[in-house]
């Protein structure tokens, strides 16, 4: 599945210590993002990096972690209906579903409580 950030080049989501395996299962396994090598200068720090089209998602460890409930990344995807079915099969609930003109979209929470938006532009 191809992902692209909307409006930004790079995003970081915070997560608690020891999150790496769960981040891999969710972002890599369930959402199908490709894990990429951690930048050399960050090898000693926790977290996982994923490719999102030409951009990157960094799920980083934060000692005083608090989930991002309002500010959130938005990913443009193709096949949103199929992704929604896959998420439902894994008991990932949609927390907001409000279509906008020209797009379908919904919000979910990652395993750490961060809000994530998934968007598909309508093709003409």
Protein backbone atom coordinates (compact mmCIF):
# COMPACT_ATOMS: atom_id res chain seq x y z
CA UNK A 1 0.00 0.00 0.00
CA UNK A 2 1.33 3.43 -0.91
CA UNK A 3 1.27 6.13 1.77
CA UNK A 4 1.91 9.85 1.52
CA UNK A 5 1.83 12.53 4.19
CA UNK A 6 -0.53 15.37 3.51
CA UNK A 7 1.08 18.80 3.75
CA UNK A 8 4.37 17.84 5.44
CA UNK A 9 7.65 16.03 4.65
CA UNK A 10 8.24 14.10 7.87
CA UNK A 11 6.26 13.29 10.98
CA UNK A 12 7.02 11.83 14.37
CA UNK A 13 4.57 10.11 16.65
CA UNK A 14 5.56 9.57 20.27
CA UNK A 15 5.21 6.25 22.02
CA UNK A 16 6.25 4.76 25.37
CA UNK A 17 9.52 2.91 25.98
CA UNK A 18 9.49 -0.64 24.62
CA UNK A 19 7.05 0.25 21.81
CA UNK A 20 9.13 -0.98 18.90
CA UNK A 21 7.57 -4.43 18.40
CA UNK A 22 4.02 -3.09 18.70
CA UNK A 23 4.85 -0.26 16.26
CA UNK A 24 6.17 -2.84 13.79
CA UNK A 25 3.00 -4.95 14.12
CA UNK A 26 0.68 -1.95 13.70
CA UNK A 27 2.39 0.36 11.19
CA UNK A 28 4.35 -2.35 9.38
CA UNK A 29 2.07 -5.37 9.59
CA UNK A 30 -1.44 -3.97 9.77
CA UNK A 31 -1.01 -0.73 7.81
CA UNK A 32 1.62 -2.24 5.50
CA UNK A 33 4.28 0.47 5.82
CA UNK A 34 7.84 -0.51 5.02
CA UNK A 35 10.25 -0.30 7.96
CA UNK A 36 13.49 1.49 7.09
CA UNK A 37 16.86 1.63 8.78
CA UNK A 38 17.17 4.02 11.69
CA UNK A 39 19.42 7.00 10.92
CA UNK A 40 22.99 6.38 12.15
CA UNK A 41 22.89 9.25 14.65
CA UNK A 42 19.83 7.67 16.34
CA UNK A 43 21.03 4.06 16.61
CA UNK A 44 21.31 4.27 20.39
CA UNK A 45 17.79 5.63 20.86
CA UNK A 46 14.47 3.82 20.84
CA UNK A 47 11.91 4.06 18.09
CA UNK A 48 11.15 2.75 14.62
CA UNK A 49 11.20 4.42 11.17
CA UNK A 50 8.82 3.66 8.30
CA UNK A 51 8.68 4.77 4.67
CA UNK A 52 5.55 6.63 3.57
CA UNK A 53 6.00 7.18 -0.15
CA UNK A 54 8.86 9.68 -0.45
CA UNK A 55 8.56 10.62 3.23
CA UNK A 56 9.20 9.03 6.61
CA UNK A 57 7.26 8.28 9.78
CA UNK A 58 9.27 8.10 12.99
CA UNK A 59 7.59 6.39 15.94
CA UNK A 60 9.84 7.70 18.69
CA UNK A 61 10.19 6.83 22.35
CA UNK A 62 9.31 9.58 24.79
CA UNK A 63 9.95 9.12 28.53
CA UNK A 64 6.98 11.28 29.58
CA UNK A 65 4.74 9.95 26.80
CA UNK A 66 1.24 11.39 26.38
CA UNK A 67 -0.81 10.29 23.34
CA UNK A 68 -1.50 12.89 20.64
CA UNK A 69 -5.27 13.23 20.88
CA UNK A 70 -5.80 16.29 18.68
CA UNK A 71 -2.78 17.04 16.47
CA UNK A 72 -2.28 14.05 14.23
CA UNK A 73 -0.71 12.93 10.96
CA UNK A 74 -2.92 12.39 7.93
CA UNK A 75 -1.95 9.69 5.45
CA UNK A 76 -3.27 9.60 1.91
CA UNK A 77 -3.96 6.00 0.90
CA UNK A 78 -5.54 4.12 -1.97
CA UNK A 79 -7.99 1.37 -1.11
CA UNK A 80 -9.41 3.00 2.01
CA UNK A 81 -12.46 0.71 2.13
CA UNK A 82 -10.26 -2.40 2.12
CA UNK A 83 -8.02 -0.89 4.79
CA UNK A 84 -11.06 -0.09 6.92
CA UNK A 85 -12.20 -3.73 6.68
CA UNK A 86 -8.73 -4.97 7.64
CA UNK A 87 -8.66 -2.63 10.65
CA UNK A 88 -12.13 -3.78 11.76
CA UNK A 89 -11.01 -7.42 11.53
CA UNK A 90 -8.28 -6.51 14.04
CA UNK A 91 -10.70 -4.65 16.35
CA UNK A 92 -9.33 -1.20 15.45
CA UNK A 93 -12.30 1.13 15.87
CA UNK A 94 -12.99 4.19 13.78
CA UNK A 95 -13.21 7.13 16.19
CA UNK A 96 -14.40 9.72 13.67
CA UNK A 97 -15.77 9.32 10.18
CA UNK A 98 -16.65 12.58 8.46
CA UNK A 99 -16.43 12.68 4.67
CA UNK A 100 -15.35 15.92 3.05
CA UNK A 101 -15.93 17.05 -0.51
CA UNK A 102 -13.62 15.12 -2.79
CA UNK A 103 -12.27 12.72 -0.14
CA UNK A 104 -13.22 9.81 2.08
CA UNK A 105 -11.54 9.77 5.47
CA UNK A 106 -11.65 8.41 8.97
CA UNK A 107 -9.62 8.58 12.18
CA UNK A 108 -8.29 5.74 14.32
CA UNK A 109 -5.98 5.44 17.32
CA UNK A 110 -2.67 3.62 17.09
CA UNK A 111 -1.78 1.12 19.86
CA UNK A 112 -0.30 3.98 21.91
CA UNK A 113 -3.40 6.18 21.77
CA UNK A 114 -2.19 8.61 19.09
CA UNK A 115 -4.83 9.86 16.67
CA UNK A 116 -4.16 8.94 13.01
CA UNK A 117 -6.15 10.09 9.98
CA UNK A 118 -6.47 8.01 6.80
CA UNK A 119 -7.64 9.80 3.64
CA UNK A 120 -8.45 8.72 0.09
CA UNK A 121 -9.02 11.32 -2.61
CA UNK A 122 -11.89 10.56 -4.96
CA UNK A 123 -10.61 9.87 -8.45
CA UNK A 124 -12.40 11.54 -11.35
